[in-house]
Amino acid sequence: MNFISIRWPGDGFFFALALIPIQIKITAPYGRHTRSNWGLMISNRLGWTLMEVVSLIVFAFFFLRGDAEKTTGSWILFALWVAHYIHRSLIFPLRTHTRGKKIPLFIVFSAVFFNTINGFMNGFYLGELQPPTLFADHPRFIVGLVLFLLGAALNLYSDTLLLRLRKPGETGYKIPRNHVFRWVSCPNHLGEIIEWTGFALMAWNLAALSFAVWTAANLIPRALSHHRWYKAQFPDYPKERKAVIPFVL
């Protein structure tokens, strides 16, 4: 149990950092970057649901079966995780205009593998190992909760703006120009990074920290790839706009 609770999240932390140069150089082939030379392809909606719902199921299973005392703080963390992944796995895929689009099965399997490990680590920590000192009224918990809610709102709002760019039946890409997109190409990614940083502050354990680092290590290179793609596809793309962090990156 000691190996599981301490070693794995720490390894995940350093593994995420080590993968940053690779992810900057090699863009994962899904979404606008989809390529058919990555093997068998399946429906984008089905693939997205399969790889995201794993986080919901595995996390809930290990949290609920754990023997640690369930405090108000741990139940709030449980509710936030479940709400996020119900949206990501069941609601978001139905909102997207991806009819006919495909995703490589390799990407789906890779995401399922990561989400299984991540859901286990975070569910196990909170359900089995979290001490009863996880107070919901602690200043750190409150700051983390505010960050999580702000990040979730930014993520949802940005996704909604992107979806509204397409009329019914359209599948192409357009330049998002208003609101938060005035400053960055991928405010939805920024929102998710803020979201899980807040979660890590609330949970205050290695598993949550590892996930926050992994999220940033995955989404920042992804946002840089999107930013380069926009500039390559649209000659009139705003030159002052950054990729993911306003005025910085």
C-alpha atoms as a PDB file:
ATOM      1  CA  MET A   1       0.000   0.000   0.000  1.00  0.00           C
ATOM      2  CA  ASN A   2       2.863   2.366   0.790  1.00  0.00           C
ATOM      3  CA  PHE A   3       4.389   1.758  -2.650  1.00  0.00           C
ATOM      4  CA  ILE A   4       1.063   2.434  -4.364  1.00  0.00           C
ATOM      5  CA  SER A   5       0.277   5.541  -2.356  1.00  0.00           C
ATOM      6  CA  ILE A   6       3.635   7.265  -2.656  1.00  0.00           C
ATOM      7  CA  ARG A   7       5.675   5.876  -5.522  1.00  0.00           C
ATOM      8  CA  TRP A   8       3.155   5.827  -8.374  1.00  0.00           C
ATOM      9  CA  PRO A   9       1.990   9.450  -8.178  1.00  0.00           C
ATOM     10  CA  GLY A  10       5.588  10.609  -7.883  1.00  0.00           C
ATOM     11  CA  ASP A  11       6.571   8.597 -10.936  1.00  0.00           C
ATOM     12  CA  GLY A  12       3.610  10.062 -12.827  1.00  0.00           C
ATOM     13  CA  PHE A  13       4.800  13.564 -11.951  1.00  0.00           C
ATOM     14  CA  PHE A  14       8.255  13.055 -13.471  1.00  0.00           C
ATOM     15  CA  PHE A  15       6.945  10.987 -16.402  1.00  0.00           C
ATOM     16  CA  ALA A  16       4.635  13.863 -17.365  1.00  0.00           C
ATOM     17  CA  LEU A  17       7.547  16.304 -17.347  1.00  0.00           C
ATOM     18  CA  ALA A  18       9.705  13.938 -19.398  1.00  0.00           C
ATOM     19  CA  LEU A  19       7.027  13.669 -22.094  1.00  0.00           C
ATOM     20  CA  ILE A  20       6.741  17.428 -22.686  1.00  0.00           C
ATOM     21  CA  PRO A  21       9.498  17.605 -25.382  1.00  0.00           C
ATOM     22  CA  ILE A  22       7.984  14.574 -27.162  1.00  0.00           C
ATOM     23  CA  GLN A  23       4.487  16.052 -27.146  1.00  0.00           C
ATOM     24  CA  ILE A  24       5.791  19.366 -28.451  1.00  0.00           C
ATOM     25  CA  LYS A  25       7.473  17.581 -31.365  1.00  0.00           C
ATOM     26  CA  ILE A  26       4.793  14.946 -32.104  1.00  0.00           C
ATOM     27  CA  THR A  27       1.161  16.073 -32.154  1.00  0.00           C
ATOM     28  CA  ALA A  28      -1.331  13.396 -31.118  1.00  0.00           C
ATOM     29  CA  PRO A  29      -3.406  12.520 -34.230  1.00  0.00           C
ATOM     30  CA  TYR A  30      -6.966  13.329 -33.215  1.00  0.00           C
ATOM     31  CA  GLY A  31      -9.330  16.238 -33.756  1.00  0.00           C
ATOM     32  CA  ARG A  32      -8.008  18.648 -36.374  1.00  0.00           C
ATOM     33  CA  HIS A  33      -4.695  16.760 -36.351  1.00  0.00           C
ATOM     34  CA  THR A  34      -6.207  13.363 -37.251  1.00  0.00           C
ATOM     35  CA  ARG A  35      -4.100  11.211 -39.578  1.00  0.00           C
ATOM     36  CA  SER A  36      -5.082   7.879 -41.077  1.00  0.00           C
ATOM     37  CA  ASN A  37      -1.610   6.303 -40.771  1.00  0.00           C
ATOM     38  CA  TRP A  38      -2.030   5.522 -37.058  1.00  0.00           C
ATOM     39  CA  GLY A  39      -3.923   2.280 -37.631  1.00  0.00           C
ATOM     40  CA  LEU A  40      -7.540   1.298 -37.108  1.00  0.00           C
ATOM     41  CA  MET A  41      -9.979   4.200 -36.713  1.00  0.00           C
ATOM     42  CA  ILE A  42     -13.313   4.354 -34.879  1.00  0.00           C
ATOM     43  CA  SER A  43     -16.053   6.957 -34.494  1.00  0.00           C
ATOM     44  CA  ASN A  44     -14.764  10.103 -32.808  1.00  0.00           C
ATOM     45  CA  ARG A  45     -17.795  10.313 -30.507  1.00  0.00           C
ATOM     46  CA  LEU A  46     -17.547   6.667 -29.480  1.00  0.00           C
ATOM     47  CA  GLY A  47     -13.796   6.934 -28.914  1.00  0.00           C
ATOM     48  CA  TRP A  48     -14.158  10.078 -26.816  1.00  0.00           C
ATOM     49  CA  THR A  49     -16.838   8.469 -24.641  1.00  0.00           C
ATOM     50  CA  LEU A  50     -14.821   5.290 -24.111  1.00  0.00           C
ATOM     51  CA  MET A  51     -11.640   7.070 -23.065  1.00  0.00           C
ATOM     52  CA  GLU A  52     -13.302   9.576 -20.739  1.00  0.00           C
ATOM     53  CA  VAL A  53     -15.910   7.399 -19.016  1.00  0.00           C
ATOM     54  CA  VAL A  54     -13.121   5.234 -17.589  1.00  0.00           C
ATOM     55  CA  SER A  55     -12.078   8.093 -15.288  1.00  0.00           C
ATOM     56  CA  LEU A  56     -15.616   8.381 -13.976  1.00  0.00           C
ATOM     57  CA  ILE A  57     -16.087   4.668 -13.279  1.00  0.00           C
ATOM     58  CA  VAL A  58     -12.656   3.829 -11.842  1.00  0.00           C
ATOM     59  CA  PHE A  59     -12.461   6.903  -9.605  1.00  0.00           C
ATOM     60  CA  ALA A  60     -15.975   6.364  -8.217  1.00  0.00           C
ATOM     61  CA  PHE A  61     -15.341   2.665  -7.592  1.00  0.00           C
ATOM     62  CA  PHE A  62     -12.152   3.120  -5.563  1.00  0.00           C
ATOM     63  CA  PHE A  63     -13.453   6.173  -3.711  1.00  0.00           C
ATOM     64  CA  LEU A  64     -16.698   4.540  -2.630  1.00  0.00           C
ATOM     65  CA  ARG A  65     -15.142   1.226  -1.589  1.00  0.00           C
ATOM     66  CA  GLY A  66     -12.379   2.878   0.456  1.00  0.00           C
ATOM     67  CA  ASP A  67     -12.379   2.725   4.258  1.00  0.00           C
ATOM     68  CA  ALA A  68     -11.137   6.254   4.914  1.00  0.00           C
ATOM     69  CA  GLU A  69     -13.508   8.575   6.721  1.00  0.00           C
ATOM     70  CA  LYS A  70     -15.513  10.515   4.136  1.00  0.00           C
ATOM     71  CA  THR A  71     -15.442  14.163   5.152  1.00  0.00           C
ATOM     72  CA  THR A  72     -17.361  17.049   3.619  1.00  0.00           C
ATOM     73  CA  GLY A  73     -14.168  17.965   1.767  1.00  0.00           C
ATOM     74  CA  SER A  74     -13.706  14.524   0.249  1.00  0.00           C
ATOM     75  CA  TRP A  75     -17.359  14.376  -0.825  1.00  0.00           C
ATOM     76  CA  ILE A  76     -16.994  17.781  -2.522  1.00  0.00           C
ATOM     77  CA  LEU A  77     -13.937  16.485  -4.404  1.00  0.00           C
ATOM     78  CA  PHE A  78     -15.889  13.370  -5.374  1.00  0.00           C
ATOM     79  CA  ALA A  79     -18.797  15.466  -6.662  1.00  0.00           C
ATOM     80  CA  LEU A  80     -16.510  17.747  -8.702  1.00  0.00           C
ATOM     81  CA  TRP A  81     -14.709  14.798 -10.320  1.00  0.00           C
ATOM     82  CA  VAL A  82     -17.966  13.017 -11.153  1.00  0.00           C
ATOM     83  CA  ALA A  83     -19.595  16.166 -12.541  1.00  0.00           C
ATOM     84  CA  HIS A  84     -16.563  16.895 -14.746  1.00  0.00           C
ATOM     85  CA  TYR A  85     -16.400  13.399 -16.211  1.00  0.00           C
ATOM     86  CA  ILE A  86     -20.142  13.000 -16.686  1.00  0.00           C
ATOM     87  CA  HIS A  87     -19.917  16.082 -18.864  1.00  0.00           C
ATOM     88  CA  ARG A  88     -16.727  15.032 -20.665  1.00  0.00           C
ATOM     89  CA  SER A  89     -17.788  11.452 -21.374  1.00  0.00           C
ATOM     90  CA  LEU A  90     -21.553  11.671 -21.889  1.00  0.00           C
ATOM     91  CA  ILE A  91     -22.602  15.251 -22.636  1.00  0.00           C
ATOM     92  CA  PHE A  92     -19.682  16.840 -24.495  1.00  0.00           C
ATOM     93  CA  PRO A  93     -19.424  14.158 -27.240  1.00  0.00           C
ATOM     94  CA  LEU A  94     -23.096  14.698 -28.082  1.00  0.00           C
ATOM     95  CA  ARG A  95     -22.587  18.470 -28.374  1.00  0.00           C
ATOM     96  CA  THR A  96     -19.701  18.253 -30.822  1.00  0.00           C
ATOM     97  CA  HIS A  97     -20.188  18.467 -34.592  1.00  0.00           C
ATOM     98  CA  THR A  98     -18.053  15.421 -35.371  1.00  0.00           C
ATOM     99  CA  ARG A  99     -20.427  13.202 -37.324  1.00  0.00           C
ATOM    100  CA  GLY A 100     -18.350  11.088 -39.698  1.00  0.00           C
ATOM    101  CA  LYS A 101     -15.023  11.985 -38.057  1.00  0.00           C
ATOM    102  CA  LYS A 102     -12.673   9.265 -36.817  1.00  0.00           C
ATOM    103  CA  ILE A 103     -10.075   8.816 -34.095  1.00  0.00           C
ATOM    104  CA  PRO A 104      -7.242   6.239 -34.085  1.00  0.00           C
ATOM    105  CA  LEU A 105      -7.978   3.298 -31.804  1.00  0.00           C
ATOM    106  CA  PHE A 106      -4.392   3.586 -30.566  1.00  0.00           C
ATOM    107  CA  ILE A 107      -5.178   7.030 -29.115  1.00  0.00           C
ATOM    108  CA  VAL A 108      -8.320   5.680 -27.446  1.00  0.00           C
ATOM    109  CA  PHE A 109      -6.430   2.764 -25.865  1.00  0.00           C
ATOM    110  CA  SER A 110      -3.642   5.080 -24.701  1.00  0.00           C
ATOM    111  CA  ALA A 111      -6.147   7.422 -23.077  1.00  0.00           C
ATOM    112  CA  VAL A 112      -8.026   4.525 -21.474  1.00  0.00           C
ATOM    113  CA  PHE A 113      -4.761   3.258 -19.977  1.00  0.00           C
ATOM    114  CA  PHE A 114      -3.840   6.652 -18.547  1.00  0.00           C
ATOM    115  CA  ASN A 115      -7.345   7.397 -17.283  1.00  0.00           C
ATOM    116  CA  THR A 116      -7.549   4.005 -15.580  1.00  0.00           C
ATOM    117  CA  ILE A 117      -4.319   4.643 -13.670  1.00  0.00           C
ATOM    118  CA  ASN A 118      -5.234   8.244 -12.917  1.00  0.00           C
ATOM    119  CA  GLY A 119      -8.759   7.390 -11.787  1.00  0.00           C
ATOM    120  CA  PHE A 120      -7.394   4.635  -9.570  1.00  0.00           C
ATOM    121  CA  MET A 121      -4.721   6.809  -7.953  1.00  0.00           C
ATOM    122  CA  ASN A 122      -7.057   9.688  -7.163  1.00  0.00           C
ATOM    123  CA  GLY A 123      -9.995   7.508  -6.119  1.00  0.00           C
ATOM    124  CA  PHE A 124      -7.747   5.305  -3.962  1.00  0.00           C
ATOM    125  CA  TYR A 125      -6.076   8.277  -2.303  1.00  0.00           C
ATOM    126  CA  LEU A 126      -9.337   9.983  -1.404  1.00  0.00           C
ATOM    127  CA  GLY A 127     -11.209   6.797  -0.552  1.00  0.00           C
ATOM    128  CA  GLU A 128      -8.529   4.856   1.307  1.00  0.00           C
ATOM    129  CA  LEU A 129      -5.618   7.069   2.337  1.00  0.00           C
ATOM    130  CA  GLN A 130      -6.901  10.615   2.746  1.00  0.00           C
ATOM    131  CA  PRO A 131      -6.621  11.669   6.418  1.00  0.00           C
ATOM    132  CA  PRO A 132      -9.728  13.061   8.127  1.00  0.00           C
ATOM    133  CA  THR A 133      -8.063  16.509   8.185  1.00  0.00           C
ATOM    134  CA  LEU A 134      -9.396  17.388   4.731  1.00  0.00           C
ATOM    135  CA  PHE A 135     -11.432  20.335   5.947  1.00  0.00           C
ATOM    136  CA  ALA A 136     -13.737  22.069   3.495  1.00  0.00           C
ATOM    137  CA  ASP A 137     -13.355  25.367   5.388  1.00  0.00           C
ATOM    138  CA  HIS A 138      -9.545  25.436   5.125  1.00  0.00           C
ATOM    139  CA  PRO A 139      -8.332  28.531   3.171  1.00  0.00           C
ATOM    140  CA  ARG A 140      -6.353  26.334   0.777  1.00  0.00           C
ATOM    141  CA  PHE A 141      -9.448  24.234   0.061  1.00  0.00           C
ATOM    142  CA  ILE A 142     -11.571  27.323  -0.556  1.00  0.00           C
ATOM    143  CA  VAL A 143      -8.968  28.861  -2.913  1.00  0.00           C
ATOM    144  CA  GLY A 144      -8.729  25.542  -4.767  1.00  0.00           C
ATOM    145  CA  LEU A 145     -12.501  25.318  -5.080  1.00  0.00           C
ATOM    146  CA  VAL A 146     -12.695  28.833  -6.523  1.00  0.00           C
ATOM    147  CA  LEU A 147      -9.947  27.959  -9.032  1.00  0.00           C
ATOM    148  CA  PHE A 148     -11.697  24.730  -9.993  1.00  0.00           C
ATOM    149  CA  LEU A 149     -15.021  26.466 -10.597  1.00  0.00           C
ATOM    150  CA  LEU A 150     -13.393  29.326 -12.541  1.00  0.00           C
ATOM    151  CA  GLY A 151     -11.431  26.854 -14.672  1.00  0.00           C
ATOM    152  CA  ALA A 152     -14.520  24.734 -15.322  1.00  0.00           C
ATOM    153  CA  ALA A 153     -16.523  27.824 -16.302  1.00  0.00           C
ATOM    154  CA  LEU A 154     -13.767  28.965 -18.684  1.00  0.00           C
ATOM    155  CA  ASN A 155     -13.531  25.497 -20.207  1.00  0.00           C
ATOM    156  CA  LEU A 156     -17.285  25.135 -20.725  1.00  0.00           C
ATOM    157  CA  TYR A 157     -17.731  28.684 -22.026  1.00  0.00           C
ATOM    158  CA  SER A 158     -14.851  28.339 -24.487  1.00  0.00           C
ATOM    159  CA  ASP A 159     -16.135  25.001 -25.774  1.00  0.00           C
ATOM    160  CA  THR A 160     -19.580  26.537 -26.252  1.00  0.00           C
ATOM    161  CA  LEU A 161     -18.142  29.439 -28.256  1.00  0.00           C
ATOM    162  CA  LEU A 162     -16.214  27.006 -30.469  1.00  0.00           C
ATOM    163  CA  LEU A 163     -19.293  24.875 -31.084  1.00  0.00           C
ATOM    164  CA  ARG A 164     -21.337  27.942 -32.032  1.00  0.00           C
ATOM    165  CA  LEU A 165     -18.884  28.760 -34.820  1.00  0.00           C
ATOM    166  CA  ARG A 166     -20.346  25.926 -36.880  1.00  0.00           C
ATOM    167  CA  LYS A 167     -23.800  25.956 -38.333  1.00  0.00           C
ATOM    168  CA  PRO A 168     -25.793  22.692 -38.360  1.00  0.00           C
ATOM    169  CA  GLY A 169     -24.193  20.276 -40.794  1.00  0.00           C
ATOM    170  CA  GLU A 170     -20.836  22.100 -40.917  1.00  0.00           C
ATOM    171  CA  THR A 171     -17.657  20.277 -39.915  1.00  0.00           C
ATOM    172  CA  GLY A 172     -14.924  22.708 -40.965  1.00  0.00           C
ATOM    173  CA  TYR A 173     -12.895  25.099 -38.798  1.00  0.00           C
ATOM    174  CA  LYS A 174     -13.200  28.862 -38.425  1.00  0.00           C
ATOM    175  CA  ILE A 175     -11.255  31.508 -36.552  1.00  0.00           C
ATOM    176  CA  PRO A 176     -12.749  32.153 -33.096  1.00  0.00           C
ATOM    177  CA  ARG A 177     -12.541  35.907 -32.583  1.00  0.00           C
ATOM    178  CA  ASN A 178     -14.554  37.073 -29.589  1.00  0.00           C
ATOM    179  CA  HIS A 179     -14.435  37.039 -25.799  1.00  0.00           C
ATOM    180  CA  VAL A 180     -11.585  34.967 -24.296  1.00  0.00           C
ATOM    181  CA  PHE A 181     -10.348  34.013 -27.769  1.00  0.00           C
ATOM    182  CA  ARG A 182      -9.081  37.565 -28.209  1.00  0.00           C
ATOM    183  CA  TRP A 183      -6.104  36.654 -26.023  1.00  0.00           C
ATOM    184  CA  VAL A 184      -5.411  32.942 -26.577  1.00  0.00           C
ATOM    185  CA  SER A 185      -6.130  30.259 -29.160  1.00  0.00           C
ATOM    186  CA  CYS A 186      -7.079  27.616 -26.584  1.00  0.00           C
ATOM    187  CA  PRO A 187      -8.846  29.090 -23.539  1.00  0.00           C
ATOM    188  CA  ASN A 188     -10.619  25.750 -23.134  1.00  0.00           C
ATOM    189  CA  HIS A 189      -7.254  24.110 -22.439  1.00  0.00           C
ATOM    190  CA  LEU A 190      -6.276  26.933 -20.083  1.00  0.00           C
ATOM    191  CA  GLY A 191      -9.552  26.411 -18.219  1.00  0.00           C
ATOM    192  CA  GLU A 192      -8.877  22.716 -17.721  1.00  0.00           C
ATOM    193  CA  ILE A 193      -5.346  23.396 -16.461  1.00  0.00           C
ATOM    194  CA  ILE A 194      -6.732  25.894 -13.929  1.00  0.00           C
ATOM    195  CA  GLU A 195      -9.463  23.419 -13.005  1.00  0.00           C
ATOM    196  CA  TRP A 196      -7.147  20.573 -12.022  1.00  0.00           C
ATOM    197  CA  THR A 197      -4.669  22.914 -10.358  1.00  0.00           C
ATOM    198  CA  GLY A 198      -7.542  23.933  -8.099  1.00  0.00           C
ATOM    199  CA  PHE A 199      -8.408  20.281  -7.492  1.00  0.00           C
ATOM    200  CA  ALA A 200      -4.809  19.581  -6.459  1.00  0.00           C
ATOM    201  CA  LEU A 201      -4.915  22.465  -3.973  1.00  0.00           C
ATOM    202  CA  MET A 202      -8.133  21.126  -2.492  1.00  0.00           C
ATOM    203  CA  ALA A 203      -7.025  17.480  -2.256  1.00  0.00           C
ATOM    204  CA  TRP A 204      -3.426  18.323  -1.249  1.00  0.00           C
ATOM    205  CA  ASN A 205      -1.976  14.917  -2.133  1.00  0.00           C
ATOM    206  CA  LEU A 206       0.518  13.540  -4.638  1.00  0.00           C
ATOM    207  CA  ALA A 207      -2.089  11.868  -6.832  1.00  0.00           C
ATOM    208  CA  ALA A 208      -3.972  15.109  -7.446  1.00  0.00           C
ATOM    209  CA  LEU A 209      -0.722  17.032  -7.951  1.00  0.00           C
ATOM    210  CA  SER A 210       0.474  14.423 -10.449  1.00  0.00           C
ATOM    211  CA  PHE A 211      -2.766  14.811 -12.416  1.00  0.00           C
ATOM    212  CA  ALA A 212      -2.498  18.604 -12.432  1.00  0.00           C
ATOM    213  CA  VAL A 213       1.070  18.413 -13.747  1.00  0.00           C
ATOM    214  CA  TRP A 214       0.074  15.810 -16.332  1.00  0.00           C
ATOM    215  CA  THR A 215      -2.826  17.978 -17.492  1.00  0.00           C
ATOM    216  CA  ALA A 216      -0.523  20.948 -18.058  1.00  0.00           C
ATOM    217  CA  ALA A 217       2.162  18.771 -19.672  1.00  0.00           C
ATOM    218  CA  ASN A 218      -0.405  17.382 -22.097  1.00  0.00           C
ATOM    219  CA  LEU A 219      -2.537  20.441 -22.878  1.00  0.00           C
ATOM    220  CA  ILE A 220       0.160  23.107 -23.229  1.00  0.00           C
ATOM    221  CA  PRO A 221       1.884  21.247 -26.123  1.00  0.00           C
ATOM    222  CA  ARG A 222      -1.572  20.523 -27.555  1.00  0.00           C
ATOM    223  CA  ALA A 223      -2.450  24.216 -27.429  1.00  0.00           C
ATOM    224  CA  LEU A 224       0.860  25.109 -29.117  1.00  0.00           C
ATOM    225  CA  SER A 225       0.032  22.632 -31.911  1.00  0.00           C
ATOM    226  CA  HIS A 226      -3.437  24.171 -32.323  1.00  0.00           C
ATOM    227  CA  HIS A 227      -1.907  27.638 -32.418  1.00  0.00           C
ATOM    228  CA  ARG A 228       0.573  26.659 -35.149  1.00  0.00           C
ATOM    229  CA  TRP A 229      -2.244  24.975 -37.090  1.00  0.00           C
ATOM    230  CA  TYR A 230      -4.440  28.084 -36.949  1.00  0.00           C
ATOM    231  CA  LYS A 231      -1.596  30.280 -38.212  1.00  0.00           C
ATOM    232  CA  ALA A 232      -0.812  27.849 -41.030  1.00  0.00           C
ATOM    233  CA  GLN A 233      -4.453  27.511 -42.114  1.00  0.00           C
ATOM    234  CA  PHE A 234      -5.534  31.148 -41.814  1.00  0.00           C
ATOM    235  CA  PRO A 235      -3.234  33.908 -43.173  1.00  0.00           C
ATOM    236  CA  ASP A 236      -5.296  36.521 -41.334  1.00  0.00           C
ATOM    237  CA  TYR A 237      -5.002  34.810 -37.944  1.00  0.00           C
ATOM    238  CA  PRO A 238      -4.458  37.466 -35.211  1.00  0.00           C
ATOM    239  CA  LYS A 239      -0.707  37.864 -34.735  1.00  0.00           C
ATOM    240  CA  GLU A 240      -0.949  39.215 -31.186  1.00  0.00           C
ATOM    241  CA  ARG A 241      -2.846  36.166 -29.906  1.00  0.00           C
ATOM    242  CA  LYS A 242      -0.973  33.646 -27.749  1.00  0.00           C
ATOM    243  CA  ALA A 243      -1.542  29.881 -27.611  1.00  0.00           C
ATOM    244  CA  VAL A 244      -2.712  29.197 -24.058  1.00  0.00           C
ATOM    245  CA  ILE A 245      -1.452  31.749 -21.497  1.00  0.00           C
ATOM    246  CA  PRO A 246      -2.459  35.389 -22.240  1.00  0.00           C
ATOM    247  CA  PHE A 247       0.500  37.647 -23.131  1.00  0.00           C
ATOM    248  CA  VAL A 248       3.007  34.866 -22.266  1.00  0.00           C
ATOM    249  CA  LEU A 249       2.759  31.631 -24.278  1.00  0.00           C
END
